[in-house]
């Protein structure tokens, strides 16, 4: 279930993709996400379809990070109920969806950002960190290198964002490929404990293993960590029936295209590998 990278093309195609990504980043810097969401079109319902499903009590920004090909986009698709796509191409810019989860008596809306893992798009990915309330760092259980890059690259990037420590989750994706596994579960659990992560899950976007558990745990952590800052109410057609919204539906990128003590104090570790 490995994500397929785009086929090589001519230089002009590559320049066009890069230009689109840069233009999108500039646009995002000028627009409030709420304005973007109010223009979104629905992609289908996943949770409830009751009369109050357009309501939510708080919204939190969650950013997925990780190497290209680890399955970040596929995880997001699974989270919003979209079918698995075995020919998924690598993300070349940034994208986000919104999805609502029930936590106690609150309806928590997660704004889930998908970022490109290729090195040439790292600065674009970093531009999404502002106001992030959680990071999900994804690796491929069949790729030791993708796991090694967590320490070498992705944790450092989350530290750069500064400010108050933000909850971190680790997701070992492609858990269905057990025979090809290169990263022992114990290694990931150890890293999670060392980094005072809020949770670690071995997931599969193909069969759905732990996907909902992961995002539900993130939503729960948002309430326990940040509380409910204020009451929000989304009363637009795009959000009726809890339909997830995708930024790229409105702005497509083309078809191919803290201290440890502070962290520890706030951590309620959750782990699930099966």
C-alpha atoms as a PDB file:
ATOM      1  CA  UNK A   1       0.000   0.000   0.000  1.00  0.00           C
ATOM      2  CA  UNK A   2       2.934   2.246  -0.665  1.00  0.00           C
ATOM      3  CA  UNK A   3       2.102   5.668  -2.015  1.00  0.00           C
ATOM      4  CA  UNK A   4       3.273   6.052  -5.591  1.00  0.00           C
ATOM      5  CA  UNK A   5       5.428   9.060  -6.350  1.00  0.00           C
ATOM      6  CA  UNK A   6       4.674  11.093  -9.493  1.00  0.00           C
ATOM      7  CA  UNK A   7       6.334   9.936 -12.690  1.00  0.00           C
ATOM      8  CA  UNK A   8       9.160  12.057 -13.946  1.00  0.00           C
ATOM      9  CA  UNK A   9       8.176  14.848 -16.291  1.00  0.00           C
ATOM     10  CA  UNK A  10       9.798  17.718 -18.089  1.00  0.00           C
ATOM     11  CA  UNK A  11      11.277  20.677 -16.246  1.00  0.00           C
ATOM     12  CA  UNK A  12       8.367  22.969 -17.067  1.00  0.00           C
ATOM     13  CA  UNK A  13       5.891  20.630 -15.364  1.00  0.00           C
ATOM     14  CA  UNK A  14       8.025  20.568 -12.231  1.00  0.00           C
ATOM     15  CA  UNK A  15       8.307  24.359 -12.237  1.00  0.00           C
ATOM     16  CA  UNK A  16       4.553  24.667 -12.682  1.00  0.00           C
ATOM     17  CA  UNK A  17       3.868  22.426  -9.655  1.00  0.00           C
ATOM     18  CA  UNK A  18       6.330  24.364  -7.518  1.00  0.00           C
ATOM     19  CA  UNK A  19       4.781  27.654  -8.614  1.00  0.00           C
ATOM     20  CA  UNK A  20       1.300  26.428  -7.709  1.00  0.00           C
ATOM     21  CA  UNK A  21       2.503  25.360  -4.272  1.00  0.00           C
ATOM     22  CA  UNK A  22       4.149  28.728  -3.638  1.00  0.00           C
ATOM     23  CA  UNK A  23       1.061  30.596  -4.793  1.00  0.00           C
ATOM     24  CA  UNK A  24      -1.098  28.492  -2.481  1.00  0.00           C
ATOM     25  CA  UNK A  25       1.186  29.243   0.465  1.00  0.00           C
ATOM     26  CA  UNK A  26       0.981  32.973  -0.242  1.00  0.00           C
ATOM     27  CA  UNK A  27      -2.802  32.782  -0.501  1.00  0.00           C
ATOM     28  CA  UNK A  28      -3.094  30.891   2.780  1.00  0.00           C
ATOM     29  CA  UNK A  29      -1.074  33.575   4.519  1.00  0.00           C
ATOM     30  CA  UNK A  30      -3.653  36.173   3.500  1.00  0.00           C
ATOM     31  CA  UNK A  31      -6.849  34.228   4.185  1.00  0.00           C
ATOM     32  CA  UNK A  32      -8.383  33.136   7.452  1.00  0.00           C
ATOM     33  CA  UNK A  33      -9.123  29.375   7.397  1.00  0.00           C
ATOM     34  CA  UNK A  34     -12.717  30.119   8.405  1.00  0.00           C
ATOM     35  CA  UNK A  35     -13.174  32.085   5.194  1.00  0.00           C
ATOM     36  CA  UNK A  36     -11.815  29.185   3.195  1.00  0.00           C
ATOM     37  CA  UNK A  37     -14.026  26.660   4.959  1.00  0.00           C
ATOM     38  CA  UNK A  38     -17.164  28.673   4.382  1.00  0.00           C
ATOM     39  CA  UNK A  39     -16.515  28.325   0.654  1.00  0.00           C
ATOM     40  CA  UNK A  40     -15.873  24.583   0.825  1.00  0.00           C
ATOM     41  CA  UNK A  41     -17.933  21.873  -0.825  1.00  0.00           C
ATOM     42  CA  UNK A  42     -18.930  18.677   0.906  1.00  0.00           C
ATOM     43  CA  UNK A  43     -17.099  15.384   0.486  1.00  0.00           C
ATOM     44  CA  UNK A  44     -19.508  13.042   2.321  1.00  0.00           C
ATOM     45  CA  UNK A  45     -20.608  12.339   5.871  1.00  0.00           C
ATOM     46  CA  UNK A  46     -18.725  10.155   8.306  1.00  0.00           C
ATOM     47  CA  UNK A  47     -20.016  10.459  11.872  1.00  0.00           C
ATOM     48  CA  UNK A  48     -23.540  11.660  12.643  1.00  0.00           C
ATOM     49  CA  UNK A  49     -26.243  13.150  10.455  1.00  0.00           C
ATOM     50  CA  UNK A  50     -28.470  14.581  13.201  1.00  0.00           C
ATOM     51  CA  UNK A  51     -29.919  18.065  13.057  1.00  0.00           C
ATOM     52  CA  UNK A  52     -27.161  19.521  15.244  1.00  0.00           C
ATOM     53  CA  UNK A  53     -24.256  17.987  13.318  1.00  0.00           C
ATOM     54  CA  UNK A  54     -23.296  21.425  11.966  1.00  0.00           C
ATOM     55  CA  UNK A  55     -22.425  22.545  15.494  1.00  0.00           C
ATOM     56  CA  UNK A  56     -19.032  22.314  17.126  1.00  0.00           C
ATOM     57  CA  UNK A  57     -17.745  23.638  20.426  1.00  0.00           C
ATOM     58  CA  UNK A  58     -14.100  24.180  19.516  1.00  0.00           C
ATOM     59  CA  UNK A  59     -11.776  23.821  16.547  1.00  0.00           C
ATOM     60  CA  UNK A  60      -8.099  22.823  16.666  1.00  0.00           C
ATOM     61  CA  UNK A  61      -5.427  22.745  13.991  1.00  0.00           C
ATOM     62  CA  UNK A  62      -3.577  19.424  13.635  1.00  0.00           C
ATOM     63  CA  UNK A  63      -0.595  19.003  11.285  1.00  0.00           C
ATOM     64  CA  UNK A  64       0.625  15.683   9.849  1.00  0.00           C
ATOM     65  CA  UNK A  65       4.371  15.402   9.213  1.00  0.00           C
ATOM     66  CA  UNK A  66       6.616  12.688   7.831  1.00  0.00           C
ATOM     67  CA  UNK A  67       8.638  11.522   4.870  1.00  0.00           C
ATOM     68  CA  UNK A  68       7.147  11.342   1.396  1.00  0.00           C
ATOM     69  CA  UNK A  69       5.372   8.046   0.774  1.00  0.00           C
ATOM     70  CA  UNK A  70       4.629   7.098   4.399  1.00  0.00           C
ATOM     71  CA  UNK A  71       0.886   7.452   3.808  1.00  0.00           C
ATOM     72  CA  UNK A  72      -0.128  10.777   5.380  1.00  0.00           C
ATOM     73  CA  UNK A  73      -2.690  11.561   2.704  1.00  0.00           C
ATOM     74  CA  UNK A  74      -4.090   8.032   2.818  1.00  0.00           C
ATOM     75  CA  UNK A  75      -4.504   8.282   6.600  1.00  0.00           C
ATOM     76  CA  UNK A  76      -6.488  11.483   6.215  1.00  0.00           C
ATOM     77  CA  UNK A  77      -8.650   9.910   3.531  1.00  0.00           C
ATOM     78  CA  UNK A  78      -9.351   6.960   5.821  1.00  0.00           C
ATOM     79  CA  UNK A  79     -10.191   9.338   8.668  1.00  0.00           C
ATOM     80  CA  UNK A  80     -12.928  11.042   6.638  1.00  0.00           C
ATOM     81  CA  UNK A  81     -14.271   7.799   5.192  1.00  0.00           C
ATOM     82  CA  UNK A  82     -12.850   7.986   1.694  1.00  0.00           C
ATOM     83  CA  UNK A  83     -11.833   4.700   0.018  1.00  0.00           C
ATOM     84  CA  UNK A  84      -8.192   3.668  -0.083  1.00  0.00           C
ATOM     85  CA  UNK A  85      -6.414   4.651  -3.293  1.00  0.00           C
ATOM     86  CA  UNK A  86      -3.503   2.292  -4.116  1.00  0.00           C
ATOM     87  CA  UNK A  87      -2.182   4.684  -6.779  1.00  0.00           C
ATOM     88  CA  UNK A  88      -2.062   7.768  -4.565  1.00  0.00           C
ATOM     89  CA  UNK A  89       0.552  10.267  -5.696  1.00  0.00           C
ATOM     90  CA  UNK A  90       2.723  12.201  -3.272  1.00  0.00           C
ATOM     91  CA  UNK A  91       1.415  15.518  -1.985  1.00  0.00           C
ATOM     92  CA  UNK A  92       3.248  18.385  -3.675  1.00  0.00           C
ATOM     93  CA  UNK A  93       2.009  21.233  -1.512  1.00  0.00           C
ATOM     94  CA  UNK A  94      -0.386  21.463   1.418  1.00  0.00           C
ATOM     95  CA  UNK A  95      -4.008  20.526   1.932  1.00  0.00           C
ATOM     96  CA  UNK A  96      -6.430  20.175   4.814  1.00  0.00           C
ATOM     97  CA  UNK A  97      -9.734  18.583   5.745  1.00  0.00           C
ATOM     98  CA  UNK A  98     -12.003  19.190   8.721  1.00  0.00           C
ATOM     99  CA  UNK A  99     -13.660  16.444  10.731  1.00  0.00           C
ATOM    100  CA  UNK A 100     -15.701  16.503  13.938  1.00  0.00           C
ATOM    101  CA  UNK A 101     -15.349  14.142  16.909  1.00  0.00           C
ATOM    102  CA  UNK A 102     -17.338  13.747  20.113  1.00  0.00           C
ATOM    103  CA  UNK A 103     -15.346  14.170  23.340  1.00  0.00           C
ATOM    104  CA  UNK A 104     -17.467  13.904  26.487  1.00  0.00           C
ATOM    105  CA  UNK A 105     -20.296  16.356  25.845  1.00  0.00           C
ATOM    106  CA  UNK A 106     -18.265  18.464  23.400  1.00  0.00           C
ATOM    107  CA  UNK A 107     -18.136  18.369  19.624  1.00  0.00           C
ATOM    108  CA  UNK A 108     -14.497  18.904  18.677  1.00  0.00           C
ATOM    109  CA  UNK A 109     -13.612  19.884  15.136  1.00  0.00           C
ATOM    110  CA  UNK A 110     -10.122  18.993  13.930  1.00  0.00           C
ATOM    111  CA  UNK A 111      -8.640  20.947  11.046  1.00  0.00           C
ATOM    112  CA  UNK A 112      -6.249  18.263   9.769  1.00  0.00           C
ATOM    113  CA  UNK A 113      -3.402  19.538   7.597  1.00  0.00           C
ATOM    114  CA  UNK A 114      -1.589  17.320   5.111  1.00  0.00           C
ATOM    115  CA  UNK A 115       1.946  18.390   4.194  1.00  0.00           C
ATOM    116  CA  UNK A 116       4.452  17.371   1.543  1.00  0.00           C
ATOM    117  CA  UNK A 117       7.305  15.183   2.760  1.00  0.00           C
ATOM    118  CA  UNK A 118       9.771  15.963  -0.023  1.00  0.00           C
ATOM    119  CA  UNK A 119      12.740  18.037   1.091  1.00  0.00           C
ATOM    120  CA  UNK A 120      12.162  20.776  -1.478  1.00  0.00           C
ATOM    121  CA  UNK A 121       8.736  21.455   0.073  1.00  0.00           C
ATOM    122  CA  UNK A 122       9.887  21.515   3.722  1.00  0.00           C
ATOM    123  CA  UNK A 123       9.664  25.293   4.009  1.00  0.00           C
ATOM    124  CA  UNK A 124       6.118  25.143   2.661  1.00  0.00           C
ATOM    125  CA  UNK A 125       5.220  22.504   5.246  1.00  0.00           C
ATOM    126  CA  UNK A 126       6.718  24.634   8.013  1.00  0.00           C
ATOM    127  CA  UNK A 127       4.457  27.504   6.992  1.00  0.00           C
ATOM    128  CA  UNK A 128       1.473  25.484   8.264  1.00  0.00           C
ATOM    129  CA  UNK A 129       2.818  25.256  11.829  1.00  0.00           C
ATOM    130  CA  UNK A 130       1.404  28.577  12.996  1.00  0.00           C
ATOM    131  CA  UNK A 131      -1.408  28.036  15.515  1.00  0.00           C
ATOM    132  CA  UNK A 132      -1.012  24.243  15.354  1.00  0.00           C
ATOM    133  CA  UNK A 133      -2.331  22.559  18.494  1.00  0.00           C
ATOM    134  CA  UNK A 134      -1.024  19.053  17.734  1.00  0.00           C
ATOM    135  CA  UNK A 135       1.445  17.283  15.457  1.00  0.00           C
ATOM    136  CA  UNK A 136       1.080  13.746  14.146  1.00  0.00           C
ATOM    137  CA  UNK A 137       4.437  12.436  12.925  1.00  0.00           C
ATOM    138  CA  UNK A 138       3.900   9.531  10.539  1.00  0.00           C
ATOM    139  CA  UNK A 139       6.451   6.899   9.560  1.00  0.00           C
ATOM    140  CA  UNK A 140       6.285   3.724   7.481  1.00  0.00           C
ATOM    141  CA  UNK A 141       6.745   0.532   9.527  1.00  0.00           C
ATOM    142  CA  UNK A 142       8.387  -1.069   6.467  1.00  0.00           C
ATOM    143  CA  UNK A 143      10.984   1.717   6.216  1.00  0.00           C
ATOM    144  CA  UNK A 144      13.589   2.075   8.933  1.00  0.00           C
ATOM    145  CA  UNK A 145      14.804   5.237   7.238  1.00  0.00           C
ATOM    146  CA  UNK A 146      11.415   6.954   7.614  1.00  0.00           C
ATOM    147  CA  UNK A 147      11.544   6.172  11.344  1.00  0.00           C
ATOM    148  CA  UNK A 148      15.125   7.413  11.681  1.00  0.00           C
ATOM    149  CA  UNK A 149      14.147  10.708  10.061  1.00  0.00           C
ATOM    150  CA  UNK A 150      11.763  11.442  12.929  1.00  0.00           C
ATOM    151  CA  UNK A 151      14.705  12.346  15.163  1.00  0.00           C
ATOM    152  CA  UNK A 152      16.851  13.820  12.411  1.00  0.00           C
ATOM    153  CA  UNK A 153      14.228  16.041  10.838  1.00  0.00           C
ATOM    154  CA  UNK A 154      10.642  16.096  12.028  1.00  0.00           C
ATOM    155  CA  UNK A 155      11.053  16.538  15.773  1.00  0.00           C
ATOM    156  CA  UNK A 156      13.474  19.384  15.104  1.00  0.00           C
ATOM    157  CA  UNK A 157      10.907  21.053  12.871  1.00  0.00           C
ATOM    158  CA  UNK A 158       8.261  20.932  15.585  1.00  0.00           C
ATOM    159  CA  UNK A 159      10.719  22.477  18.057  1.00  0.00           C
ATOM    160  CA  UNK A 160      11.398  25.375  15.687  1.00  0.00           C
ATOM    161  CA  UNK A 161       7.786  26.513  15.862  1.00  0.00           C
ATOM    162  CA  UNK A 162       8.442  27.740  19.410  1.00  0.00           C
ATOM    163  CA  UNK A 163       5.846  28.831  21.903  1.00  0.00           C
ATOM    164  CA  UNK A 164       4.124  26.515  24.349  1.00  0.00           C
ATOM    165  CA  UNK A 165       4.870  22.782  23.881  1.00  0.00           C
ATOM    166  CA  UNK A 166       2.389  21.186  21.491  1.00  0.00           C
ATOM    167  CA  UNK A 167       1.144  17.590  21.897  1.00  0.00           C
ATOM    168  CA  UNK A 168       2.847  15.106  19.589  1.00  0.00           C
ATOM    169  CA  UNK A 169       1.518  11.762  18.370  1.00  0.00           C
ATOM    170  CA  UNK A 170       3.419   9.080  16.456  1.00  0.00           C
ATOM    171  CA  UNK A 171       1.749   6.911  13.812  1.00  0.00           C
ATOM    172  CA  UNK A 172       3.471   3.858  12.345  1.00  0.00           C
ATOM    173  CA  UNK A 173       1.536   3.466   9.115  1.00  0.00           C
ATOM    174  CA  UNK A 174       1.140   0.461   6.768  1.00  0.00           C
ATOM    175  CA  UNK A 175       0.593  -1.893   9.710  1.00  0.00           C
ATOM    176  CA  UNK A 176      -1.024  -4.366   7.315  1.00  0.00           C
ATOM    177  CA  UNK A 177       2.410  -5.092   5.791  1.00  0.00           C
ATOM    178  CA  UNK A 178       3.528  -7.171   8.765  1.00  0.00           C
ATOM    179  CA  UNK A 179       5.917  -9.385   6.801  1.00  0.00           C
ATOM    180  CA  UNK A 180       7.822  -6.348   5.535  1.00  0.00           C
ATOM    181  CA  UNK A 181       8.084  -4.663   8.933  1.00  0.00           C
ATOM    182  CA  UNK A 182      11.468  -3.033   9.646  1.00  0.00           C
ATOM    183  CA  UNK A 183      10.573  -0.914  12.692  1.00  0.00           C
ATOM    184  CA  UNK A 184       9.862  -2.946  15.850  1.00  0.00           C
ATOM    185  CA  UNK A 185       6.887  -1.738  17.855  1.00  0.00           C
ATOM    186  CA  UNK A 186       9.113  -1.547  20.922  1.00  0.00           C
ATOM    187  CA  UNK A 187      11.406   0.997  19.229  1.00  0.00           C
ATOM    188  CA  UNK A 188       8.491   3.300  18.479  1.00  0.00           C
ATOM    189  CA  UNK A 189       7.103   2.933  21.990  1.00  0.00           C
ATOM    190  CA  UNK A 190      10.509   3.836  23.421  1.00  0.00           C
ATOM    191  CA  UNK A 191      10.755   6.932  21.227  1.00  0.00           C
ATOM    192  CA  UNK A 192       7.247   7.978  22.229  1.00  0.00           C
ATOM    193  CA  UNK A 193       8.097   7.729  25.908  1.00  0.00           C
ATOM    194  CA  UNK A 194      11.386   9.591  25.457  1.00  0.00           C
ATOM    195  CA  UNK A 195       9.600  12.435  23.673  1.00  0.00           C
ATOM    196  CA  UNK A 196       6.675  12.490  26.127  1.00  0.00           C
ATOM    197  CA  UNK A 197       4.312  11.890  23.214  1.00  0.00           C
ATOM    198  CA  UNK A 198       0.601  11.923  23.894  1.00  0.00           C
ATOM    199  CA  UNK A 199       0.115   8.743  21.911  1.00  0.00           C
ATOM    200  CA  UNK A 200       1.531   6.140  19.558  1.00  0.00           C
ATOM    201  CA  UNK A 201      -0.495   3.999  17.160  1.00  0.00           C
ATOM    202  CA  UNK A 202       0.367   1.519  14.440  1.00  0.00           C
ATOM    203  CA  UNK A 203      -2.133   2.285  11.712  1.00  0.00           C
ATOM    204  CA  UNK A 204      -3.261   1.023   8.340  1.00  0.00           C
ATOM    205  CA  UNK A 205      -4.963   3.312   5.860  1.00  0.00           C
ATOM    206  CA  UNK A 206      -5.736   0.188   3.814  1.00  0.00           C
ATOM    207  CA  UNK A 207      -7.847  -1.692   6.373  1.00  0.00           C
ATOM    208  CA  UNK A 208      -8.545   1.170   8.787  1.00  0.00           C
ATOM    209  CA  UNK A 209      -6.600  -0.275  11.727  1.00  0.00           C
ATOM    210  CA  UNK A 210      -6.377   2.318  14.518  1.00  0.00           C
ATOM    211  CA  UNK A 211      -7.113   5.245  12.190  1.00  0.00           C
ATOM    212  CA  UNK A 212     -10.193   6.401  14.075  1.00  0.00           C
ATOM    213  CA  UNK A 213      -8.519   5.595  17.400  1.00  0.00           C
ATOM    214  CA  UNK A 214      -5.651   7.900  16.445  1.00  0.00           C
ATOM    215  CA  UNK A 215      -7.758  10.913  15.535  1.00  0.00           C
ATOM    216  CA  UNK A 216     -10.221  10.360  18.372  1.00  0.00           C
ATOM    217  CA  UNK A 217      -7.257  10.366  20.769  1.00  0.00           C
ATOM    218  CA  UNK A 218      -6.018  13.606  19.238  1.00  0.00           C
ATOM    219  CA  UNK A 219      -9.443  15.192  19.725  1.00  0.00           C
ATOM    220  CA  UNK A 220      -9.507  14.001  23.343  1.00  0.00           C
ATOM    221  CA  UNK A 221      -6.023  15.410  23.936  1.00  0.00           C
ATOM    222  CA  UNK A 222      -7.130  18.773  22.581  1.00  0.00           C
ATOM    223  CA  UNK A 223      -9.759  19.071  25.301  1.00  0.00           C
ATOM    224  CA  UNK A 224      -7.492  17.852  28.107  1.00  0.00           C
ATOM    225  CA  UNK A 225      -4.551  20.015  26.980  1.00  0.00           C
ATOM    226  CA  UNK A 226      -6.073  23.226  25.678  1.00  0.00           C
ATOM    227  CA  UNK A 227      -9.605  23.093  27.156  1.00  0.00           C
ATOM    228  CA  UNK A 228     -12.472  24.767  25.286  1.00  0.00           C
ATOM    229  CA  UNK A 229     -11.375  28.341  24.480  1.00  0.00           C
ATOM    230  CA  UNK A 230     -14.731  29.609  23.285  1.00  0.00           C
ATOM    231  CA  UNK A 231     -17.973  28.471  21.735  1.00  0.00           C
ATOM    232  CA  UNK A 232     -17.962  28.187  17.961  1.00  0.00           C
ATOM    233  CA  UNK A 233     -20.948  27.588  15.740  1.00  0.00           C
ATOM    234  CA  UNK A 234     -20.694  26.623  12.083  1.00  0.00           C
ATOM    235  CA  UNK A 235     -24.047  27.099  10.411  1.00  0.00           C
ATOM    236  CA  UNK A 236     -23.161  26.904   6.746  1.00  0.00           C
ATOM    237  CA  UNK A 237     -24.316  24.312   4.175  1.00  0.00           C
ATOM    238  CA  UNK A 238     -20.765  22.963   3.899  1.00  0.00           C
ATOM    239  CA  UNK A 239     -20.869  21.726   7.487  1.00  0.00           C
ATOM    240  CA  UNK A 240     -24.351  20.303   7.714  1.00  0.00           C
ATOM    241  CA  UNK A 241     -24.313  16.540   8.301  1.00  0.00           C
ATOM    242  CA  UNK A 242     -20.694  16.849   9.467  1.00  0.00           C
ATOM    243  CA  UNK A 243     -19.419  16.740   5.906  1.00  0.00           C
ATOM    244  CA  UNK A 244     -15.625  17.019   5.799  1.00  0.00           C
ATOM    245  CA  UNK A 245     -14.253  19.899   3.761  1.00  0.00           C
ATOM    246  CA  UNK A 246     -11.059  19.684   1.717  1.00  0.00           C
ATOM    247  CA  UNK A 247      -9.041  22.788   0.876  1.00  0.00           C
ATOM    248  CA  UNK A 248      -7.772  21.385  -2.417  1.00  0.00           C
ATOM    249  CA  UNK A 249     -11.358  21.100  -3.698  1.00  0.00           C
ATOM    250  CA  UNK A 250     -11.262  24.896  -3.855  1.00  0.00           C
ATOM    251  CA  UNK A 251      -7.557  25.433  -4.601  1.00  0.00           C
ATOM    252  CA  UNK A 252      -6.302  22.343  -6.480  1.00  0.00           C
ATOM    253  CA  UNK A 253      -2.587  21.787  -6.929  1.00  0.00           C
ATOM    254  CA  UNK A 254      -3.028  19.845 -10.167  1.00  0.00           C
ATOM    255  CA  UNK A 255      -3.739  16.202 -10.915  1.00  0.00           C
ATOM    256  CA  UNK A 256      -0.075  15.237 -10.506  1.00  0.00           C
ATOM    257  CA  UNK A 257       0.628  17.341  -8.725  1.00  0.00           C
ATOM    258  CA  UNK A 258       9.213  23.562  25.705  1.00  0.00           C
ATOM    259  CA  UNK A 259      10.941  21.775  28.121  1.00  0.00           C
ATOM    260  CA  UNK A 260      10.703  18.067  28.804  1.00  0.00           C
ATOM    261  CA  UNK A 261       9.230  18.774  32.234  1.00  0.00           C
ATOM    262  CA  UNK A 262       6.448  20.834  30.675  1.00  0.00           C
ATOM    263  CA  UNK A 263       5.785  18.134  28.098  1.00  0.00           C
ATOM    264  CA  UNK A 264       5.717  15.407  30.722  1.00  0.00           C
ATOM    265  CA  UNK A 265       3.336  17.355  32.924  1.00  0.00           C
ATOM    266  CA  UNK A 266       0.715  17.518  30.178  1.00  0.00           C
ATOM    267  CA  UNK A 267       1.157  14.028  28.759  1.00  0.00           C
ATOM    268  CA  UNK A 268      -1.525  11.363  28.977  1.00  0.00           C
ATOM    269  CA  UNK A 269       0.130   8.675  26.883  1.00  0.00           C
ATOM    270  CA  UNK A 270      -2.005   6.401  24.739  1.00  0.00           C
ATOM    271  CA  UNK A 271      -0.643   3.503  22.758  1.00  0.00           C
ATOM    272  CA  UNK A 272      -2.133   0.926  20.521  1.00  0.00           C
ATOM    273  CA  UNK A 273      -0.255  -1.336  18.116  1.00  0.00           C
ATOM    274  CA  UNK A 274      -2.975  -3.847  17.296  1.00  0.00           C
END
